[in-house]
Amino acid sequence: MPNTENSNITSYWYLRNAIGYIGIIMPIWVKLGAYLRENITSQTSISVYYYTSMRDVFVATSFAF
């Protein structure tokens, strides 16, 4: 019989890591995309990127959190 407790801990660990990586990559991805697509320089708040062409990326990663 497999040890389900260890598999649950492993799954939770992978989920936490995935959310952490998304949180680290999202600001870079949104800033770079806005700069390349619309030539928008760095903004004071990450929320400002909702009003750019990177809205879908911003919303999708926020939903993942």
PDB file of N, CA and C in Angstrom:
ATOM      1  N   MET A   1       0.839  -1.177   0.000  1.00  0.00           N
ATOM      2  CA  MET A   1       0.000   0.000   0.000  1.00  0.00           C
ATOM      3  C   MET A   1       0.888   1.245   0.000  1.00  0.00           C
ATOM      4  N   PRO A   2       0.683   2.179  -0.967  1.00  0.00           N
ATOM      5  CA  PRO A   2       1.539   3.364  -1.028  1.00  0.00           C
ATOM      6  C   PRO A   2       1.274   4.313   0.127  1.00  0.00           C
ATOM      7  N   ASN A   3       2.276   5.028   0.489  1.00  0.00           N
ATOM      8  CA  ASN A   3       2.173   6.002   1.567  1.00  0.00           C
ATOM      9  C   ASN A   3       1.573   7.293   1.004  1.00  0.00           C
ATOM     10  N   THR A   4       0.289   7.504   1.231  1.00  0.00           N
ATOM     11  CA  THR A   4      -0.393   8.675   0.668  1.00  0.00           C
ATOM     12  C   THR A   4      -0.002   9.972   1.358  1.00  0.00           C
ATOM     13  N   GLU A   5       0.441   9.884   2.597  1.00  0.00           N
ATOM     14  CA  GLU A   5       0.833  11.098   3.308  1.00  0.00           C
ATOM     15  C   GLU A   5       2.041  11.742   2.640  1.00  0.00           C
ATOM     16  N   ASN A   6       3.041  10.946   2.242  1.00  0.00           N
ATOM     17  CA  ASN A   6       4.212  11.502   1.576  1.00  0.00           C
ATOM     18  C   ASN A   6       3.861  12.062   0.208  1.00  0.00           C
ATOM     19  N   SER A   7       2.956  11.419  -0.524  1.00  0.00           N
ATOM     20  CA  SER A   7       2.593  11.933  -1.840  1.00  0.00           C
ATOM     21  C   SER A   7       1.817  13.247  -1.710  1.00  0.00           C
ATOM     22  N   ASN A   8       1.018  13.385  -0.661  1.00  0.00           N
ATOM     23  CA  ASN A   8       0.315  14.646  -0.431  1.00  0.00           C
ATOM     24  C   ASN A   8       1.288  15.764  -0.085  1.00  0.00           C
ATOM     25  N   ILE A   9       2.282  15.464   0.702  1.00  0.00           N
ATOM     26  CA  ILE A   9       3.288  16.456   1.072  1.00  0.00           C
ATOM     27  C   ILE A   9       4.083  16.868  -0.158  1.00  0.00           C
ATOM     28  N   THR A  10       4.440  15.913  -0.997  1.00  0.00           N
ATOM     29  CA  THR A  10       5.184  16.208  -2.218  1.00  0.00           C
ATOM     30  C   THR A  10       4.352  17.069  -3.160  1.00  0.00           C
ATOM     31  N   SER A  11       3.078  16.749  -3.332  1.00  0.00           N
ATOM     32  CA  SER A  11       2.209  17.539  -4.204  1.00  0.00           C
ATOM     33  C   SER A  11       2.076  18.967  -3.687  1.00  0.00           C
ATOM     34  N   TYR A  12       1.918  19.115  -2.399  1.00  0.00           N
ATOM     35  CA  TYR A  12       1.796  20.438  -1.800  1.00  0.00           C
ATOM     36  C   TYR A  12       3.082  21.229  -1.992  1.00  0.00           C
ATOM     37  N   TRP A  13       4.211  20.568  -1.861  1.00  0.00           N
ATOM     38  CA  TRP A  13       5.508  21.210  -2.037  1.00  0.00           C
ATOM     39  C   TRP A  13       5.656  21.716  -3.474  1.00  0.00           C
ATOM     40  N   TYR A  14       5.283  20.899  -4.468  1.00  0.00           N
ATOM     41  CA  TYR A  14       5.355  21.320  -5.866  1.00  0.00           C
ATOM     42  C   TYR A  14       4.407  22.482  -6.148  1.00  0.00           C
ATOM     43  N   LEU A  15       3.238  22.470  -5.571  1.00  0.00           N
ATOM     44  CA  LEU A  15       2.280  23.550  -5.750  1.00  0.00           C
ATOM     45  C   LEU A  15       2.816  24.857  -5.174  1.00  0.00           C
ATOM     46  N   ARG A  16       3.379  24.810  -4.004  1.00  0.00           N
ATOM     47  CA  ARG A  16       3.964  26.006  -3.395  1.00  0.00           C
ATOM     48  C   ARG A  16       5.112  26.542  -4.230  1.00  0.00           C
ATOM     49  N   ASN A  17       5.946  25.653  -4.753  1.00  0.00           N
ATOM     50  CA  ASN A  17       7.052  26.097  -5.603  1.00  0.00           C
ATOM     51  C   ASN A  17       6.552  26.734  -6.887  1.00  0.00           C
ATOM     52  N   ALA A  18       5.532  26.153  -7.504  1.00  0.00           N
ATOM     53  CA  ALA A  18       4.991  26.699  -8.747  1.00  0.00           C
ATOM     54  C   ALA A  18       4.437  28.104  -8.519  1.00  0.00           C
ATOM     55  N   ILE A  19       3.710  28.305  -7.437  1.00  0.00           N
ATOM     56  CA  ILE A  19       3.164  29.621  -7.128  1.00  0.00           C
ATOM     57  C   ILE A  19       4.297  30.618  -6.846  1.00  0.00           C
ATOM     58  N   GLY A  20       5.327  30.163  -6.190  1.00  0.00           N
ATOM     59  CA  GLY A  20       6.486  31.022  -5.934  1.00  0.00           C
ATOM     60  C   GLY A  20       7.178  31.444  -7.213  1.00  0.00           C
ATOM     61  N   TYR A  21       7.370  30.510  -8.134  1.00  0.00           N
ATOM     62  CA  TYR A  21       8.002  30.838  -9.416  1.00  0.00           C
ATOM     63  C   TYR A  21       7.140  31.802 -10.224  1.00  0.00           C
ATOM     64  N   ILE A  22       5.838  31.592 -10.208  1.00  0.00           N
ATOM     65  CA  ILE A  22       4.928  32.509 -10.910  1.00  0.00           C
ATOM     66  C   ILE A  22       5.038  33.906 -10.310  1.00  0.00           C
ATOM     67  N   GLY A  23       5.096  33.988  -8.998  1.00  0.00           N
ATOM     68  CA  GLY A  23       5.205  35.284  -8.330  1.00  0.00           C
ATOM     69  C   GLY A  23       6.505  36.004  -8.622  1.00  0.00           C
ATOM     70  N   ILE A  24       7.560  35.250  -8.852  1.00  0.00           N
ATOM     71  CA  ILE A  24       8.850  35.862  -9.172  1.00  0.00           C
ATOM     72  C   ILE A  24       8.901  36.282 -10.637  1.00  0.00           C
ATOM     73  N   ILE A  25       8.369  35.463 -11.517  1.00  0.00           N
ATOM     74  CA  ILE A  25       8.474  35.706 -12.956  1.00  0.00           C
ATOM     75  C   ILE A  25       7.448  36.724 -13.453  1.00  0.00           C
ATOM     76  N   MET A  26       6.274  36.789 -12.851  1.00  0.00           N
ATOM     77  CA  MET A  26       5.193  37.636 -13.350  1.00  0.00           C
ATOM     78  C   MET A  26       5.585  39.112 -13.503  1.00  0.00           C
ATOM     79  N   PRO A  27       6.175  39.760 -12.516  1.00  0.00           N
ATOM     80  CA  PRO A  27       6.513  41.182 -12.716  1.00  0.00           C
ATOM     81  C   PRO A  27       7.506  41.401 -13.854  1.00  0.00           C
ATOM     82  N   ILE A  28       8.455  40.496 -13.982  1.00  0.00           N
ATOM     83  CA  ILE A  28       9.439  40.608 -15.060  1.00  0.00           C
ATOM     84  C   ILE A  28       8.762  40.417 -16.406  1.00  0.00           C
ATOM     85  N   TRP A  29       7.921  39.414 -16.501  1.00  0.00           N
ATOM     86  CA  TRP A  29       7.223  39.089 -17.740  1.00  0.00           C
ATOM     87  C   TRP A  29       6.306  40.237 -18.171  1.00  0.00           C
ATOM     88  N   VAL A  30       5.569  40.798 -17.228  1.00  0.00           N
ATOM     89  CA  VAL A  30       4.631  41.869 -17.544  1.00  0.00           C
ATOM     90  C   VAL A  30       5.380  43.141 -17.952  1.00  0.00           C
ATOM     91  N   LYS A  31       6.426  43.485 -17.231  1.00  0.00           N
ATOM     92  CA  LYS A  31       7.195  44.684 -17.569  1.00  0.00           C
ATOM     93  C   LYS A  31       7.872  44.545 -18.925  1.00  0.00           C
ATOM     94  N   LEU A  32       8.484  43.405 -19.168  1.00  0.00           N
ATOM     95  CA  LEU A  32       9.173  43.185 -20.432  1.00  0.00           C
ATOM     96  C   LEU A  32       8.190  43.166 -21.597  1.00  0.00           C
ATOM     97  N   GLY A  33       7.058  42.502 -21.417  1.00  0.00           N
ATOM     98  CA  GLY A  33       6.042  42.455 -22.466  1.00  0.00           C
ATOM     99  C   GLY A  33       5.478  43.817 -22.791  1.00  0.00           C
ATOM    100  N   ALA A  34       5.202  44.628 -21.776  1.00  0.00           N
ATOM    101  CA  ALA A  34       4.670  45.969 -22.004  1.00  0.00           C
ATOM    102  C   ALA A  34       5.700  46.852 -22.702  1.00  0.00           C
ATOM    103  N   TYR A  35       6.950  46.649 -22.362  1.00  0.00           N
ATOM    104  CA  TYR A  35       7.999  47.441 -23.011  1.00  0.00           C
ATOM    105  C   TYR A  35       8.158  47.033 -24.480  1.00  0.00           C
ATOM    106  N   LEU A  36       8.171  45.743 -24.748  1.00  0.00           N
ATOM    107  CA  LEU A  36       8.373  45.269 -26.115  1.00  0.00           C
ATOM    108  C   LEU A  36       7.155  45.519 -27.010  1.00  0.00           C
ATOM    109  N   ARG A  37       5.957  45.396 -26.475  1.00  0.00           N
ATOM    110  CA  ARG A  37       4.747  45.546 -27.284  1.00  0.00           C
ATOM    111  C   ARG A  37       4.298  46.993 -27.427  1.00  0.00           C
ATOM    112  N   GLU A  38       4.444  47.801 -26.384  1.00  0.00           N
ATOM    113  CA  GLU A  38       3.899  49.164 -26.411  1.00  0.00           C
ATOM    114  C   GLU A  38       4.927  50.233 -26.050  1.00  0.00           C
ATOM    115  N   ASN A  39       6.177  49.830 -25.838  1.00  0.00           N
ATOM    116  CA  ASN A  39       7.247  50.752 -25.460  1.00  0.00           C
ATOM    117  C   ASN A  39       6.907  51.513 -24.176  1.00  0.00           C
ATOM    118  N   ILE A  40       6.288  50.829 -23.211  1.00  0.00           N
ATOM    119  CA  ILE A  40       5.939  51.416 -21.915  1.00  0.00           C
ATOM    120  C   ILE A  40       7.099  51.160 -20.959  1.00  0.00           C
ATOM    121  N   THR A  41       7.607  52.230 -20.389  1.00  0.00           N
ATOM    122  CA  THR A  41       8.721  52.081 -19.458  1.00  0.00           C
ATOM    123  C   THR A  41       8.220  51.554 -18.121  1.00  0.00           C
ATOM    124  N   SER A  42       9.131  51.289 -17.219  1.00  0.00           N
ATOM    125  CA  SER A  42       8.797  50.725 -15.915  1.00  0.00           C
ATOM    126  C   SER A  42       7.859  51.657 -15.148  1.00  0.00           C
ATOM    127  N   GLN A  43       6.818  51.083 -14.549  1.00  0.00           N
ATOM    128  CA  GLN A  43       5.809  51.837 -13.813  1.00  0.00           C
ATOM    129  C   GLN A  43       6.067  51.738 -12.308  1.00  0.00           C
ATOM    130  N   THR A  44       5.394  52.582 -11.549  1.00  0.00           N
ATOM    131  CA  THR A  44       5.601  52.615 -10.102  1.00  0.00           C
ATOM    132  C   THR A  44       4.912  51.475  -9.375  1.00  0.00           C
ATOM    133  N   SER A  45       3.865  50.908  -9.988  1.00  0.00           N
ATOM    134  CA  SER A  45       3.123  49.827  -9.357  1.00  0.00           C
ATOM    135  C   SER A  45       2.852  48.731 -10.377  1.00  0.00           C
ATOM    136  N   ILE A  46       2.865  47.493  -9.934  1.00  0.00           N
ATOM    137  CA  ILE A  46       2.589  46.373 -10.828  1.00  0.00           C
ATOM    138  C   ILE A  46       1.139  46.396 -11.302  1.00  0.00           C
ATOM    139  N   SER A  47       0.262  46.988 -10.523  1.00  0.00           N
ATOM    140  CA  SER A  47      -1.153  47.047 -10.886  1.00  0.00           C
ATOM    141  C   SER A  47      -1.412  47.927 -12.105  1.00  0.00           C
ATOM    142  N   VAL A  48      -0.528  48.830 -12.408  1.00  0.00           N
ATOM    143  CA  VAL A  48      -0.685  49.709 -13.564  1.00  0.00           C
ATOM    144  C   VAL A  48      -0.682  48.897 -14.857  1.00  0.00           C
ATOM    145  N   TYR A  49      -0.021  47.766 -14.866  1.00  0.00           N
ATOM    146  CA  TYR A  49       0.081  46.946 -16.076  1.00  0.00           C
ATOM    147  C   TYR A  49      -1.255  46.298 -16.449  1.00  0.00           C
ATOM    148  N   TYR A  50      -2.242  46.405 -15.597  1.00  0.00           N
ATOM    149  CA  TYR A  50      -3.583  45.930 -15.954  1.00  0.00           C
ATOM    150  C   TYR A  50      -4.127  46.726 -17.131  1.00  0.00           C
ATOM    151  N   TYR A  51      -3.743  47.965 -17.238  1.00  0.00           N
ATOM    152  CA  TYR A  51      -4.249  48.848 -18.286  1.00  0.00           C
ATOM    153  C   TYR A  51      -3.374  48.856 -19.535  1.00  0.00           C
ATOM    154  N   THR A  52      -2.507  47.865 -19.685  1.00  0.00           N
ATOM    155  CA  THR A  52      -1.667  47.731 -20.875  1.00  0.00           C
ATOM    156  C   THR A  52      -2.099  46.494 -21.652  1.00  0.00           C
ATOM    157  N   SER A  53      -1.353  46.191 -22.685  1.00  0.00           N
ATOM    158  CA  SER A  53      -1.652  44.997 -23.481  1.00  0.00           C
ATOM    159  C   SER A  53      -1.318  43.711 -22.732  1.00  0.00           C
ATOM    160  N   MET A  54      -0.669  43.807 -21.597  1.00  0.00           N
ATOM    161  CA  MET A  54      -0.297  42.637 -20.801  1.00  0.00           C
ATOM    162  C   MET A  54      -1.361  42.306 -19.759  1.00  0.00           C
ATOM    163  N   ARG A  55      -2.556  42.826 -19.940  1.00  0.00           N
ATOM    164  CA  ARG A  55      -3.655  42.614 -18.998  1.00  0.00           C
ATOM    165  C   ARG A  55      -3.953  41.136 -18.790  1.00  0.00           C
ATOM    166  N   ASP A  56      -3.989  40.361 -19.879  1.00  0.00           N
ATOM    167  CA  ASP A  56      -4.333  38.946 -19.763  1.00  0.00           C
ATOM    168  C   ASP A  56      -3.298  38.177 -18.942  1.00  0.00           C
ATOM    169  N   VAL A  57      -2.037  38.497 -19.125  1.00  0.00           N
ATOM    170  CA  VAL A  57      -0.982  37.858 -18.330  1.00  0.00           C
ATOM    171  C   VAL A  57      -1.117  38.252 -16.871  1.00  0.00           C
ATOM    172  N   PHE A  58      -1.364  39.520 -16.622  1.00  0.00           N
ATOM    173  CA  PHE A  58      -1.512  40.013 -15.254  1.00  0.00           C
ATOM    174  C   PHE A  58      -2.680  39.322 -14.550  1.00  0.00           C
ATOM    175  N   VAL A  59      -3.817  39.239 -15.229  1.00  0.00           N
ATOM    176  CA  VAL A  59      -5.008  38.626 -14.622  1.00  0.00           C
ATOM    177  C   VAL A  59      -4.796  37.123 -14.414  1.00  0.00           C
ATOM    178  N   ALA A  60      -4.223  36.444 -15.388  1.00  0.00           N
ATOM    179  CA  ALA A  60      -4.024  34.988 -15.283  1.00  0.00           C
ATOM    180  C   ALA A  60      -3.073  34.641 -14.145  1.00  0.00           C
ATOM    181  N   THR A  61      -1.986  35.386 -14.018  1.00  0.00           N
ATOM    182  CA  THR A  61      -1.049  35.078 -12.929  1.00  0.00           C
ATOM    183  C   THR A  61      -1.625  35.477 -11.573  1.00  0.00           C
ATOM    184  N   SER A  62      -2.401  36.555 -11.539  1.00  0.00           N
ATOM    185  CA  SER A  62      -3.059  36.931 -10.282  1.00  0.00           C
ATOM    186  C   SER A  62      -4.072  35.868  -9.879  1.00  0.00           C
ATOM    187  N   PHE A  63      -4.771  35.308 -10.847  1.00  0.00           N
ATOM    188  CA  PHE A  63      -5.717  34.245 -10.570  1.00  0.00           C
ATOM    189  C   PHE A  63      -5.011  32.990 -10.056  1.00  0.00           C
ATOM    190  N   ALA A  64      -3.810  32.731 -10.562  1.00  0.00           N
ATOM    191  CA  ALA A  64      -3.046  31.564 -10.118  1.00  0.00           C
ATOM    192  C   ALA A  64      -2.651  31.679  -8.659  1.00  0.00           C
ATOM    193  N   PHE A  65      -2.445  32.912  -8.182  1.00  0.00           N
ATOM    194  CA  PHE A  65      -2.117  33.086  -6.772  1.00  0.00           C
ATOM    195  C   PHE A  65      -3.261  32.666  -5.909  1.00  0.00           C
TER     196      PHE A  65
END
